[in-house]
Each structure stands twice: as structure tokens, then as C-alpha cells.
C-alpha atoms as a PDB file:
ATOM      1  CA  MET A   1      17.676  11.494  -3.952  1.00  0.00           C
ATOM      2  CA  ASP A   2      16.559   8.001  -3.069  1.00  0.00           C
ATOM      3  CA  GLU A   3      16.328   5.521  -5.973  1.00  0.00           C
ATOM      4  CA  SER A   4      12.685   4.744  -5.203  1.00  0.00           C
ATOM      5  CA  TYR A   5      11.786   8.371  -5.827  1.00  0.00           C
ATOM      6  CA  LEU A   6      13.752   8.464  -9.072  1.00  0.00           C
ATOM      7  CA  ALA A   7      11.336   6.015 -10.711  1.00  0.00           C
ATOM      8  CA  LEU A   8       8.399   8.127  -9.546  1.00  0.00           C
ATOM      9  CA  LEU A   9      10.019  11.284 -10.895  1.00  0.00           C
ATOM     10  CA  ILE A  10      10.719   9.658 -14.263  1.00  0.00           C
ATOM     11  CA  SER A  11       7.130   8.381 -14.459  1.00  0.00           C
ATOM     12  CA  ALA A  12       5.694  11.810 -13.645  1.00  0.00           C
ATOM     13  CA  GLY A  13       7.986  13.419 -16.217  1.00  0.00           C
ATOM     14  CA  LEU A  14       6.912  10.955 -18.916  1.00  0.00           C
ATOM     15  CA  CYS A  15       3.252  11.549 -18.103  1.00  0.00           C
ATOM     16  CA  ALA A  16       3.735  15.314 -18.333  1.00  0.00           C
ATOM     17  CA  LEU A  17       5.573  14.897 -21.642  1.00  0.00           C
ATOM     18  CA  VAL A  18       2.804  12.720 -23.122  1.00  0.00           C
ATOM     19  CA  VAL A  19       0.150  15.234 -22.054  1.00  0.00           C
ATOM     20  CA  ALA A  20       2.142  18.144 -23.486  1.00  0.00           C
ATOM     21  CA  VAL A  21       2.678  16.344 -26.805  1.00  0.00           C
ATOM     22  CA  MET A  22      -1.007  15.422 -27.136  1.00  0.00           C
ATOM     23  CA  VAL A  23      -2.273  18.890 -26.269  1.00  0.00           C
ATOM     24  CA  GLY A  24       0.309  20.501 -28.545  1.00  0.00           C
ATOM     25  CA  ALA A  25      -0.493  18.177 -31.454  1.00  0.00           C
ATOM     26  CA  SER A  26      -4.206  18.813 -31.014  1.00  0.00           C
ATOM     27  CA  TRP A  27      -3.627  22.560 -31.020  1.00  0.00           C
ATOM     28  CA  LEU A  28      -1.340  22.457 -34.069  1.00  0.00           C
ATOM     29  CA  LEU A  29      -3.256  19.946 -36.176  1.00  0.00           C
ATOM     30  CA  GLY A  30      -6.836  20.699 -35.192  1.00  0.00           C
ATOM     31  CA  LYS A  31      -9.060  22.683 -37.493  1.00  0.00           C
ATOM     32  CA  ARG A  32     -10.614  25.837 -36.145  1.00  0.00           C
ATOM     33  CA  SER A  33     -13.596  26.690 -38.290  1.00  0.00           C
ATOM     34  CA  PRO A  34     -16.538  27.665 -36.107  1.00  0.00           C
ATOM     35  CA  ASN A  35     -19.844  27.906 -37.894  1.00  0.00           C
ATOM     36  CA  ARG A  36     -23.526  28.009 -37.040  1.00  0.00           C
ATOM     37  CA  ALA A  37     -23.948  24.223 -37.062  1.00  0.00           C
ATOM     38  CA  LYS A  38     -21.020  23.634 -34.699  1.00  0.00           C
ATOM     39  CA  ASN A  39     -22.192  26.291 -32.281  1.00  0.00           C
ATOM     40  CA  ALA A  40     -25.766  24.986 -32.150  1.00  0.00           C
ATOM     41  CA  VAL A  41     -26.915  23.331 -28.946  1.00  0.00           C
ATOM     42  CA  PHE A  42     -27.067  19.556 -29.305  1.00  0.00           C
ATOM     43  CA  GLU A  43     -27.774  17.222 -26.431  1.00  0.00           C
ATOM     44  CA  ALA A  44     -28.462  13.491 -26.370  1.00  0.00           C
ATOM     45  CA  GLY A  45     -29.199  13.339 -30.089  1.00  0.00           C
ATOM     46  CA  ASN A  46     -31.962  15.944 -29.927  1.00  0.00           C
ATOM     47  CA  ARG A  47     -31.831  19.422 -31.340  1.00  0.00           C
ATOM     48  CA  ALA A  48     -32.786  22.206 -28.974  1.00  0.00           C
ATOM     49  CA  VAL A  49     -36.377  23.338 -29.296  1.00  0.00           C
ATOM     50  CA  GLY A  50     -37.250  26.747 -27.936  1.00  0.00           C
ATOM     51  CA  GLU A  51     -35.114  28.729 -25.546  1.00  0.00           C
ATOM     52  CA  VAL A  52     -31.980  26.899 -24.439  1.00  0.00           C
ATOM     53  CA  LYS A  53     -32.233  28.174 -20.886  1.00  0.00           C
ATOM     54  CA  SER A  54     -35.460  26.235 -20.365  1.00  0.00           C
ATOM     55  CA  HIS A  55     -33.661  22.874 -20.810  1.00  0.00           C
ATOM     56  CA  ARG A  56     -31.167  23.126 -17.983  1.00  0.00           C
ATOM     57  CA  PHE A  57     -30.794  20.408 -15.382  1.00  0.00           C
ATOM     58  CA  PRO A  58     -31.435  21.430 -11.799  1.00  0.00           C
ATOM     59  CA  VAL A  59     -28.372  22.040  -9.651  1.00  0.00           C
ATOM     60  CA  LYS A  60     -29.483  19.201  -7.367  1.00  0.00           C
ATOM     61  CA  PHE A  61     -28.632  16.720 -10.130  1.00  0.00           C
ATOM     62  CA  TYR A  62     -25.038  17.931 -10.345  1.00  0.00           C
ATOM     63  CA  LEU A  63     -24.707  18.194  -6.568  1.00  0.00           C
ATOM     64  CA  THR A  64     -25.855  14.606  -6.095  1.00  0.00           C
ATOM     65  CA  ALA A  65     -23.478  13.407  -8.822  1.00  0.00           C
ATOM     66  CA  ILE A  66     -20.518  15.239  -7.291  1.00  0.00           C
ATOM     67  CA  LEU A  67     -21.341  13.939  -3.813  1.00  0.00           C
ATOM     68  CA  PHE A  68     -21.520  10.397  -5.164  1.00  0.00           C
ATOM     69  CA  ILE A  69     -18.101  10.766  -6.790  1.00  0.00           C
ATOM     70  CA  VAL A  70     -16.559  12.278  -3.644  1.00  0.00           C
ATOM     71  CA  PHE A  71     -17.827   9.537  -1.345  1.00  0.00           C
ATOM     72  CA  ASP A  72     -17.022   6.831  -3.899  1.00  0.00           C
ATOM     73  CA  VAL A  73     -13.425   8.023  -4.215  1.00  0.00           C
ATOM     74  CA  GLU A  74     -13.101   8.216  -0.446  1.00  0.00           C
ATOM     75  CA  VAL A  75     -14.238   4.605  -0.098  1.00  0.00           C
ATOM     76  CA  VAL A  76     -11.528   3.566  -2.574  1.00  0.00           C
ATOM     77  CA  PHE A  77      -8.957   4.760  -0.014  1.00  0.00           C
ATOM     78  CA  MET A  78     -10.183   2.044   2.353  1.00  0.00           C
ATOM     79  CA  TYR A  79      -8.966  -0.810   0.130  1.00  0.00           C
ATOM     80  CA  PRO A  80      -5.207  -0.199   0.579  1.00  0.00           C
ATOM     81  CA  TRP A  81      -5.808   0.222   4.294  1.00  0.00           C
ATOM     82  CA  ALA A  82      -7.548  -3.154   4.443  1.00  0.00           C
ATOM     83  CA  VAL A  83      -4.589  -4.807   2.703  1.00  0.00           C
ATOM     84  CA  VAL A  84      -2.063  -3.578   5.290  1.00  0.00           C
ATOM     85  CA  PHE A  85      -4.447  -3.598   8.254  1.00  0.00           C
ATOM     86  CA  ARG A  86      -2.476  -6.090  10.369  1.00  0.00           C
ATOM     87  CA  ARG A  87       0.828  -4.238   9.942  1.00  0.00           C
ATOM     88  CA  LEU A  88      -0.692  -0.891  10.942  1.00  0.00           C
ATOM     89  CA  GLY A  89      -2.030  -2.155  14.246  1.00  0.00           C
ATOM     90  CA  TRP A  90      -4.020   0.062  16.580  1.00  0.00           C
ATOM     91  CA  PHE A  91      -2.608   3.250  15.097  1.00  0.00           C
ATOM     92  CA  GLY A  92      -3.958   2.316  11.664  1.00  0.00           C
ATOM     93  CA  LEU A  93      -7.325   1.457  13.173  1.00  0.00           C
ATOM     94  CA  ALA A  94      -7.478   4.835  14.931  1.00  0.00           C
ATOM     95  CA  GLU A  95      -6.524   6.653  11.727  1.00  0.00           C
ATOM     96  CA  MET A  96      -9.231   4.868   9.736  1.00  0.00           C
ATOM     97  CA  ALA A  97     -11.751   5.551  12.499  1.00  0.00           C
ATOM     98  CA  ALA A  98     -10.924   9.269  12.235  1.00  0.00           C
ATOM     99  CA  PHE A  99     -11.239   9.068   8.439  1.00  0.00           C
ATOM    100  CA  VAL A 100     -14.643   7.366   8.643  1.00  0.00           C
ATOM    101  CA  LEU A 101     -15.751   9.878  11.281  1.00  0.00           C
ATOM    102  CA  VAL A 102     -14.901  12.777   8.945  1.00  0.00           C
ATOM    103  CA  LEU A 103     -16.860  11.060   6.158  1.00  0.00           C
ATOM    104  CA  ALA A 104     -19.810  10.470   8.480  1.00  0.00           C
ATOM    105  CA  VAL A 105     -19.834  14.110   9.593  1.00  0.00           C
ATOM    106  CA  GLY A 106     -19.740  15.205   5.949  1.00  0.00           C
ATOM    107  CA  LEU A 107     -22.587  12.863   5.058  1.00  0.00           C
ATOM    108  CA  ALA A 108     -24.629  14.048   8.055  1.00  0.00           C
ATOM    109  CA  TYR A 109     -24.116  17.673   6.981  1.00  0.00           C
ATOM    110  CA  VAL A 110     -25.109  16.958   3.386  1.00  0.00           C
ATOM    111  CA  TRP A 111     -28.143  15.045   4.576  1.00  0.00           C
ATOM    112  CA  ARG A 112     -29.158  17.788   7.018  1.00  0.00           C
ATOM    113  CA  VAL A 113     -29.006  20.607   4.446  1.00  0.00           C
ATOM    114  CA  GLY A 114     -31.160  18.511   2.129  1.00  0.00           C
ATOM    115  CA  ALA A 115     -28.650  18.022  -0.671  1.00  0.00           C
ATOM    116  CA  LEU A 116     -29.808  14.434  -1.155  1.00  0.00           C
ATOM    117  CA  GLU A 117     -33.521  15.293  -1.455  1.00  0.00           C
ATOM    118  CA  TRP A 118     -35.216  14.980  -4.832  1.00  0.00           C
ATOM    119  CA  ASP A 119     -38.063  17.491  -4.886  1.00  0.00           C
END
């Protein structure tokens, strides 16, 4: 195994260990005493009034939020490309053009099906 991968493997192992310890400690030390007050619906500092089902957000809200996150994360991938742009040459430019084309097709599809419309 190459030495550069050893550091990555050690880092991933430490991350997994930290997650396992935190989840395990939470499970062991956490109190489990469900009661009526804990199970009551509570949102944004307001107690639920009436039927809970009547206070749901429309799916369009969640869809728009997820689409924003997806496209925002995809744009973050352009920053490392911009840093090494000169070393990548024409091949790197073609790869980024394909990447942007896939994003544009996805955006056109989302736009066409009306996922970005607020009715």
C-alpha cells in the first residue's frame, strides 16, 4: 500500500472510531423515558393547534430545498477544478464542459416539470 493512502486510511479509521464512540456513549448514557410531553408535536416554538396533518409543508418546499443543495454542492466541485485549470489543459476543459452540460440538462428537466414553480 502506498504511504499516501495510509494517512487516508488512518484518518478514515479515526473518524469511524469517533462516530462509534459518540453513538455508543449516547446510547449507553442517554435516558429513555418517553412521556406525553416529549411525544407532543412542537414546531418553531408553537404548540400544535388542531389536527397535526393540517400543518404540513407542501412537498414543493422540500423539493426546492433539496434541489438547491444538490446544485450548490455541484458548484463546489468547480472550485478545485479552477485551481488546477492550467495543468489539466484541454482535457480538463472538456471534462468540466461535460459536467456543466449534465447540470444544465438536470436544471432544464427540473424547470420543465415545474419543480421550481411556487403555486
